[in-house]
Amino acid sequence: MQRFDAIRPFYDSEINEALNNVVNHPMMKALMNFTFPDVADEVWKEQLHKTHSIRDFQCNVIYQSVQRVLEKSSDGLTTSGFENLEPNTSYLFVSNHRDILLDTTLLNTALFENGLVMTASAIGDNLVKMSFLNTLAKLNRNFLVQRGLTPREMLQSSKLLSEYIGHLLLHENRSVWIAQREGRTKDGRDETNPGILKMLGMGSDEKNLMDYFKKIKIVPVSISYEYDPTDALKMPQLMAEANNEVYVKDKNEDFMTILSGALGQKKGIHIHVGKVLDTEIEEIKENNESSNKQIVSLAQVIDDAILSNYHLWPTNFIAFDIVNKTERYSHLYTENEKSLFERRLEMRIDHDNPVALDGFLAMYANPVVNKLKYHDVV
């Protein structure tokens, strides 16, 4: 399968050599010292020298790193819906997207703990320009989504990507994680971009596209953080968009965002996995609409599942009440929780900048607005 070489993660046969190439890298030392603070460098280096598969690396290193992240910067991870998934079965997880690295590693943590197939996960190649990060991504079963292409290159890249995702799901029995849209949600409004589904459909081997989407077993995923550790870092882009300006990232911005996501305080984290979209897709198929309309309908079905199952936190209700100058949800948070949120707002946002203030509050309030579309939030 050489045609996938430009985007695929390492094969197990390449793992040992890749680890030996980075075992002495200062960033590997930082990762291992963070994960195993009481273990001498020689001991973990010996362990890496003896590692020969992605699964071993994920279970013995990445899983342990995630446990340390959860212990140091959260109140723990809670989950729901995993009992509806079958072991030894591949799924296409379409997820809302909050954090570059954590969304996928936390999902894989939950899959691993539930004895389910872990994912290969999409990551923009712009995020792994550093050689070490590129290697780490491929060690952790990430495949590359190529960015910054011409329209012609984008078409070829999308075709390759869709074929690779189909190959993983249908021929390797490997689950796949993909975000519902390009880039993380900055404003708390989670919406599926139909373009993502069009790209996935380019890999279809079925006459009717909906039959292909049934075959690859789409599972909507809702992930929510009580505190977004990168909330303030998302403000410059939101402000540029509010002023109709083109936002240009700083050189190391993505790396700093990854670090902040991992180490910043998150408090509660919840992942809900929905049921496989089956009858919903069958209904779309039976409507006999054009494939474009079917794709828009499927995007809406995914949105409905993600938004209605999104776990709301006290921070969401506090922000909603502040924005709407109400106490509608005051029974769902304490005075202490409200003062903590207001303190965070004070420390992170310039109150003389109304655009930044509104953007920060909307990021936390909009998930409540989204959920109200489906049912009243008690």
Protein backbone atom coordinates (compact mmCIF):
# COMPACT_ATOMS: atom_id res chain seq x y z
CA MET A 1 0.00 0.00 0.00
CA GLN A 2 2.79 2.42 -0.95
CA ARG A 3 0.30 5.00 -2.21
CA PHE A 4 -0.52 5.85 1.43
CA ASP A 5 3.11 6.30 2.52
CA ALA A 6 2.93 10.12 2.55
CA ILE A 7 0.11 10.19 5.11
CA ARG A 8 0.08 6.92 7.07
CA PRO A 9 1.43 6.28 10.59
CA PHE A 10 4.29 3.83 11.12
CA TYR A 11 3.81 0.13 10.52
CA ASP A 12 4.72 -2.01 13.53
CA SER A 13 7.83 -3.14 11.63
CA GLU A 14 9.06 0.49 11.63
CA ILE A 15 8.36 1.28 15.29
CA ASN A 16 11.59 0.08 16.85
CA GLU A 17 13.82 2.00 14.47
CA ALA A 18 11.71 5.15 14.88
CA LEU A 19 11.95 4.93 18.69
CA ASN A 20 15.71 4.34 18.56
CA ASN A 21 16.01 7.50 16.44
CA VAL A 22 14.27 9.68 19.05
CA VAL A 23 15.12 7.92 22.32
CA ASN A 24 17.78 10.55 23.16
CA HIS A 25 15.75 13.54 21.94
CA PRO A 26 15.24 16.16 24.70
CA MET A 27 11.48 16.20 24.02
CA MET A 28 11.28 12.42 24.49
CA LYS A 29 13.15 12.85 27.76
CA ALA A 30 10.67 15.56 28.83
CA LEU A 31 7.70 13.31 27.94
CA MET A 32 9.11 10.28 29.76
CA ASN A 33 10.22 12.24 32.83
CA PHE A 34 6.73 13.76 33.06
CA THR A 35 5.09 10.35 32.66
CA PHE A 36 7.48 8.33 34.83
CA PRO A 37 9.00 10.83 37.31
CA ASP A 38 10.39 8.10 39.58
CA VAL A 39 11.97 6.00 36.83
CA ALA A 40 15.63 6.41 35.88
CA ASP A 41 16.30 7.42 32.26
CA GLU A 42 18.21 4.19 31.57
CA VAL A 43 15.15 2.12 32.55
CA TRP A 44 12.64 3.79 30.20
CA LYS A 45 15.21 3.95 27.42
CA GLU A 46 15.67 0.18 27.73
CA GLN A 47 11.86 -0.22 27.58
CA LEU A 48 11.69 1.85 24.37
CA HIS A 49 14.54 -0.16 22.82
CA LYS A 50 12.40 -3.26 23.37
CA THR A 51 9.15 -1.78 21.95
CA HIS A 52 8.07 -3.23 18.60
CA SER A 53 4.43 -2.21 18.06
CA ILE A 54 2.21 0.86 18.14
CA ARG A 55 -0.07 -0.87 20.63
CA ASP A 56 2.84 -1.46 23.04
CA PHE A 57 3.89 2.18 22.74
CA GLN A 58 0.33 3.43 23.23
CA CYS A 59 -0.42 1.16 26.22
CA ASN A 60 2.96 1.43 27.97
CA VAL A 61 3.71 5.11 27.30
CA ILE A 62 0.86 7.23 25.89
CA TYR A 63 -1.82 5.69 28.14
CA GLN A 64 0.40 6.35 31.17
CA SER A 65 1.05 9.93 29.97
CA VAL A 66 -2.70 10.53 29.75
CA GLN A 67 -3.16 9.23 33.30
CA ARG A 68 -0.58 11.76 34.50
CA VAL A 69 -2.28 14.58 32.55
CA LEU A 70 -5.65 13.67 34.08
CA GLU A 71 -4.16 13.42 37.56
CA LYS A 72 -2.30 16.74 37.37
CA SER A 73 -4.74 18.94 35.46
CA SER A 74 -8.29 17.60 35.82
CA ASP A 75 -10.87 16.10 38.15
CA GLY A 76 -10.81 12.98 35.97
CA LEU A 77 -12.46 11.65 32.83
CA THR A 78 -16.06 10.38 32.81
CA THR A 79 -17.64 8.56 29.88
CA SER A 80 -20.98 7.28 28.61
CA GLY A 81 -22.26 5.25 25.67
CA PHE A 82 -19.30 2.89 25.28
CA GLU A 83 -21.47 -0.06 26.30
CA ASN A 84 -23.24 0.30 22.92
CA LEU A 85 -20.05 -0.52 20.97
CA GLU A 86 -18.86 -4.01 20.06
CA PRO A 87 -15.32 -5.32 20.67
CA ASN A 88 -13.16 -6.24 17.64
CA THR A 89 -15.25 -3.87 15.50
CA SER A 90 -14.08 -0.77 13.66
CA TYR A 91 -16.04 2.50 13.77
CA LEU A 92 -15.70 5.93 12.21
CA PHE A 93 -15.84 8.34 15.16
CA VAL A 94 -16.94 11.81 14.01
CA SER A 95 -16.27 14.17 16.89
CA ASN A 96 -16.60 17.77 17.93
CA HIS A 97 -13.12 19.22 18.39
CA ARG A 98 -11.83 21.20 21.35
CA ASP A 99 -8.18 20.24 21.87
CA ILE A 100 -5.52 19.34 19.28
CA LEU A 101 -4.12 16.32 21.10
CA LEU A 102 -6.40 15.49 24.02
CA ASP A 103 -9.65 14.83 22.13
CA THR A 104 -8.18 11.79 20.41
CA THR A 105 -5.92 10.52 23.20
CA LEU A 106 -8.78 10.67 25.72
CA LEU A 107 -11.11 8.83 23.33
CA ASN A 108 -8.45 6.15 22.88
CA THR A 109 -8.00 5.93 26.65
CA ALA A 110 -11.73 5.20 27.00
CA LEU A 111 -11.68 2.71 24.10
CA PHE A 112 -8.69 0.91 25.63
CA GLU A 113 -10.32 0.73 29.07
CA ASN A 114 -13.50 -0.66 27.50
CA GLY A 115 -11.66 -3.34 25.49
CA LEU A 116 -12.55 -1.73 22.14
CA VAL A 117 -10.56 -1.12 18.95
CA MET A 118 -8.47 2.07 19.29
CA THR A 119 -8.36 4.63 16.51
CA ALA A 120 -6.09 5.89 13.83
CA SER A 121 -6.62 9.65 14.07
CA ALA A 122 -6.48 12.51 11.58
CA ILE A 123 -4.07 15.36 12.33
CA GLY A 124 -3.22 18.39 10.20
CA ASP A 125 0.33 18.23 8.85
CA ASN A 126 0.71 21.88 9.90
CA LEU A 127 0.63 20.69 13.54
CA VAL A 128 3.57 18.31 13.20
CA LYS A 129 6.12 20.34 11.28
CA MET A 130 8.70 19.70 14.03
CA SER A 131 10.49 16.44 13.21
CA PHE A 132 10.01 15.00 16.72
CA LEU A 133 6.28 15.80 16.77
CA ASN A 134 5.91 14.18 13.35
CA THR A 135 7.55 11.00 14.65
CA LEU A 136 5.50 11.05 17.86
CA ALA A 137 2.28 11.47 15.85
CA LYS A 138 3.15 8.47 13.63
CA LEU A 139 4.08 6.41 16.71
CA ASN A 140 0.63 7.21 18.13
CA ARG A 141 -1.22 6.09 14.97
CA ASN A 142 -1.96 9.55 13.58
CA PHE A 143 -2.35 9.95 9.83
CA LEU A 144 -1.74 13.28 8.12
CA VAL A 145 -4.30 15.63 6.61
CA GLN A 146 -2.39 17.83 4.18
CA ARG A 147 -3.03 21.56 4.55
CA GLY A 148 -2.28 24.66 2.47
CA LEU A 149 -2.79 23.02 -0.92
CA THR A 150 -3.95 24.38 -4.28
CA PRO A 151 -7.51 23.36 -5.27
CA ARG A 152 -6.14 20.69 -7.64
CA GLU A 153 -3.78 19.29 -4.98
CA MET A 154 -6.62 19.41 -2.43
CA LEU A 155 -8.79 17.22 -4.67
CA GLN A 156 -6.02 14.63 -5.04
CA SER A 157 -5.23 14.77 -1.33
CA SER A 158 -8.90 14.35 -0.36
CA LYS A 159 -9.22 11.31 -2.63
CA LEU A 160 -6.11 9.71 -1.10
CA LEU A 161 -7.30 10.49 2.42
CA SER A 162 -10.78 9.08 1.82
CA GLU A 163 -9.35 5.89 0.31
CA TYR A 164 -6.99 5.49 3.25
CA ILE A 165 -9.79 5.95 5.80
CA GLY A 166 -11.91 3.40 3.92
CA HIS A 167 -8.95 1.01 3.82
CA LEU A 168 -8.42 1.29 7.58
CA LEU A 169 -12.09 0.76 8.42
CA LEU A 170 -12.95 -2.00 5.96
CA HIS A 171 -9.68 -3.88 5.40
CA GLU A 172 -7.64 -3.39 8.57
CA ASN A 173 -10.57 -3.39 11.03
CA ARG A 174 -9.09 -0.20 12.47
CA SER A 175 -11.35 2.49 13.93
CA VAL A 176 -10.79 6.06 12.76
CA TRP A 177 -11.25 9.44 14.51
CA ILE A 178 -11.96 12.54 12.47
CA ALA A 179 -13.11 16.00 13.54
CA GLN A 180 -16.52 17.17 12.32
CA ARG A 181 -14.83 20.20 10.72
CA GLU A 182 -11.34 21.49 10.01
CA GLY A 183 -9.78 23.06 13.10
CA ARG A 184 -10.95 23.31 16.68
CA THR A 185 -14.22 24.98 17.61
CA LYS A 186 -13.34 28.41 18.98
CA ASP A 187 -16.83 29.74 19.75
CA GLY A 188 -18.57 26.74 21.35
CA ARG A 189 -20.73 26.15 18.25
CA ASP A 190 -20.14 22.57 17.10
CA GLU A 191 -21.25 22.12 13.49
CA THR A 192 -20.37 19.37 11.04
CA ASN A 193 -18.92 20.63 7.77
CA PRO A 194 -20.62 18.69 4.93
CA GLY A 195 -17.28 18.98 3.09
CA ILE A 196 -15.80 16.45 5.54
CA LEU A 197 -18.54 13.96 4.60
CA LYS A 198 -18.01 14.67 0.88
CA MET A 199 -14.32 13.88 1.35
CA LEU A 200 -15.17 10.61 3.15
CA GLY A 201 -17.60 9.75 0.37
CA MET A 202 -14.83 9.96 -2.23
CA GLY A 203 -13.64 6.58 -0.92
CA SER A 204 -17.02 4.95 -1.46
CA ASP A 205 -17.23 1.59 -3.22
CA GLU A 206 -21.04 1.61 -3.15
CA LYS A 207 -23.47 2.82 -5.83
CA ASN A 208 -25.47 4.71 -3.22
CA LEU A 209 -23.35 6.89 -0.93
CA MET A 210 -25.62 6.27 2.06
CA ASP A 211 -24.92 2.52 1.79
CA TYR A 212 -21.22 3.31 2.15
CA PHE A 213 -21.85 5.53 5.19
CA LYS A 214 -23.85 2.70 6.78
CA LYS A 215 -21.05 0.24 6.05
CA ILE A 216 -18.32 2.30 7.74
CA LYS A 217 -20.39 2.61 10.97
CA ILE A 218 -20.44 6.32 11.84
CA VAL A 219 -20.48 7.04 15.58
CA PRO A 220 -20.94 10.69 16.69
CA VAL A 221 -18.75 11.73 19.65
CA SER A 222 -19.34 14.61 22.08
CA ILE A 223 -16.38 15.71 24.19
CA SER A 224 -16.66 18.52 26.72
CA TYR A 225 -14.23 20.17 29.12
CA GLU A 226 -15.42 22.08 32.19
CA TYR A 227 -12.59 24.53 31.58
CA ASP A 228 -10.99 24.81 28.15
CA PRO A 229 -7.27 25.12 28.97
CA THR A 230 -6.71 26.95 25.68
CA ASP A 231 -9.68 29.34 25.98
CA ALA A 232 -7.61 32.53 26.12
CA LEU A 233 -5.34 31.30 23.30
CA LYS A 234 -8.36 31.10 21.00
CA MET A 235 -9.19 34.79 21.49
CA PRO A 236 -6.81 36.42 18.95
CA GLN A 237 -8.33 34.39 16.09
CA LEU A 238 -11.89 35.14 17.22
CA MET A 239 -11.05 38.86 17.42
CA ALA A 240 -9.47 38.85 13.95
CA GLU A 241 -12.60 37.17 12.53
CA ALA A 242 -14.84 39.71 14.32
CA ASN A 243 -12.86 42.48 12.58
CA ASN A 244 -12.95 40.67 9.19
CA GLU A 245 -9.18 40.26 9.28
CA VAL A 246 -7.14 37.29 8.12
CA TYR A 247 -5.61 35.57 11.14
CA VAL A 248 -1.96 34.50 10.83
CA LYS A 249 -0.60 32.12 13.46
CA ASP A 250 2.71 32.72 15.22
CA LYS A 251 5.46 30.26 14.36
CA ASN A 252 5.22 28.16 17.55
CA GLU A 253 1.56 28.83 18.30
CA ASP A 254 0.34 25.28 17.60
CA PHE A 255 3.04 23.76 19.80
CA MET A 256 2.21 26.14 22.67
CA THR A 257 -1.48 25.27 22.25
CA ILE A 258 -0.69 21.54 22.47
CA LEU A 259 1.30 22.11 25.68
CA SER A 260 -1.39 24.33 27.20
CA GLY A 261 -4.06 21.77 26.33
CA ALA A 262 -2.14 18.99 28.05
CA LEU A 263 -0.98 20.87 31.15
CA GLY A 264 -3.66 23.56 31.67
CA GLN A 265 -6.45 23.05 34.22
CA LYS A 266 -9.54 21.37 32.79
CA LYS A 267 -11.50 20.23 35.88
CA GLY A 268 -14.21 17.87 34.57
CA ILE A 269 -13.98 16.10 31.17
CA HIS A 270 -16.73 13.97 29.66
CA ILE A 271 -16.86 11.89 26.47
CA HIS A 272 -20.13 10.52 25.16
CA VAL A 273 -20.19 8.15 22.19
CA GLY A 274 -23.49 7.87 20.39
CA LYS A 275 -24.98 4.80 18.75
CA VAL A 276 -24.01 3.81 15.23
CA LEU A 277 -26.01 5.86 12.73
CA ASP A 278 -28.00 3.20 10.92
CA THR A 279 -31.76 3.78 10.81
CA GLU A 280 -31.04 7.52 10.47
CA ILE A 281 -28.96 6.91 7.33
CA GLU A 282 -31.57 4.49 5.97
CA GLU A 283 -34.22 7.23 6.34
CA ILE A 284 -32.01 9.71 4.46
CA LYS A 285 -31.52 7.13 1.70
CA GLU A 286 -35.25 6.50 1.38
CA ASN A 287 -35.92 10.21 0.78
CA ASN A 288 -34.31 9.78 -2.68
CA GLU A 289 -32.72 13.23 -2.66
CA SER A 290 -29.56 14.24 -4.52
CA SER A 291 -26.31 13.07 -2.93
CA ASN A 292 -25.51 16.69 -1.95
CA LYS A 293 -28.80 17.02 -0.06
CA GLN A 294 -28.24 13.60 1.53
CA ILE A 295 -24.83 14.74 2.78
CA VAL A 296 -26.31 17.92 4.30
CA SER A 297 -29.00 15.78 5.99
CA LEU A 298 -26.35 13.43 7.37
CA ALA A 299 -24.33 16.39 8.71
CA GLN A 300 -27.48 17.53 10.52
CA VAL A 301 -28.03 14.06 12.01
CA ILE A 302 -24.43 14.06 13.30
CA ASP A 303 -24.92 17.57 14.74
CA ASP A 304 -28.13 16.49 16.47
CA ALA A 305 -26.34 13.56 18.12
CA ILE A 306 -23.26 15.57 19.17
CA LEU A 307 -25.18 18.55 20.55
CA SER A 308 -27.96 16.68 22.32
CA ASN A 309 -25.44 14.41 24.08
CA TYR A 310 -22.96 17.16 24.98
CA HIS A 311 -22.31 17.14 28.74
CA LEU A 312 -22.86 20.61 30.22
CA TRP A 313 -20.79 21.88 33.17
CA PRO A 314 -21.37 24.62 35.78
CA THR A 315 -19.08 26.87 33.70
CA ASN A 316 -21.52 26.65 30.76
CA PHE A 317 -24.51 27.64 32.89
CA ILE A 318 -22.58 30.46 34.60
CA ALA A 319 -21.54 31.94 31.24
CA PHE A 320 -25.09 31.61 29.88
CA ASP A 321 -26.50 33.48 32.88
CA ILE A 322 -23.85 36.22 32.64
CA VAL A 323 -24.46 36.71 28.90
CA ASN A 324 -28.23 36.79 29.32
CA LYS A 325 -28.18 38.78 32.59
CA THR A 326 -30.33 36.16 34.27
CA GLU A 327 -30.25 33.63 37.09
CA ARG A 328 -32.11 30.99 35.10
CA TYR A 329 -29.56 28.27 35.86
CA SER A 330 -28.24 29.48 39.23
CA HIS A 331 -29.48 26.24 40.84
CA LEU A 332 -26.93 24.33 38.73
CA TYR A 333 -23.81 26.03 40.13
CA THR A 334 -22.55 27.30 43.47
CA GLU A 335 -21.44 30.83 44.36
CA ASN A 336 -17.92 29.48 44.72
CA GLU A 337 -18.00 28.02 41.18
CA LYS A 338 -19.26 31.34 39.84
CA SER A 339 -16.54 33.36 41.58
CA LEU A 340 -13.87 30.95 40.26
CA PHE A 341 -15.19 31.43 36.71
CA GLU A 342 -15.31 35.22 37.11
CA ARG A 343 -11.75 35.19 38.46
CA ARG A 344 -10.60 33.22 35.39
CA LEU A 345 -12.37 35.75 33.17
CA GLU A 346 -10.62 38.63 34.96
CA MET A 347 -7.18 37.04 34.72
CA ARG A 348 -7.42 36.01 31.07
CA ILE A 349 -9.44 38.72 29.34
CA ASP A 350 -9.05 42.49 29.14
CA HIS A 351 -12.41 43.85 30.29
CA ASP A 352 -11.84 46.97 28.17
CA ASN A 353 -12.03 44.74 25.10
CA PRO A 354 -15.72 43.89 24.57
CA VAL A 355 -15.05 41.62 21.56
CA ALA A 356 -12.68 39.42 23.60
CA LEU A 357 -15.04 39.43 26.58
CA ASP A 358 -18.04 38.44 24.44
CA GLY A 359 -16.00 35.78 22.65
CA PHE A 360 -14.78 34.21 25.87
CA LEU A 361 -18.28 34.10 27.40
CA ALA A 362 -19.85 32.79 24.17
CA MET A 363 -17.33 29.93 24.06
CA TYR A 364 -18.76 28.65 27.35
CA ALA A 365 -22.41 29.79 26.92
CA ASN A 366 -23.07 28.49 23.40
CA PRO A 367 -23.18 24.78 24.34
CA VAL A 368 -26.23 25.62 26.51
CA VAL A 369 -27.80 27.51 23.58
CA ASN A 370 -27.08 24.49 21.35
CA LYS A 371 -28.68 22.05 23.77
CA LEU A 372 -31.80 24.17 24.19
CA LYS A 373 -32.59 23.46 20.53
CA TYR A 374 -33.27 19.85 21.50
CA HIS A 375 -34.83 20.01 24.94
CA ASP A 376 -35.06 22.32 27.89
CA VAL A 377 -32.09 22.14 30.24
CA VAL A 378 -33.50 21.71 33.73
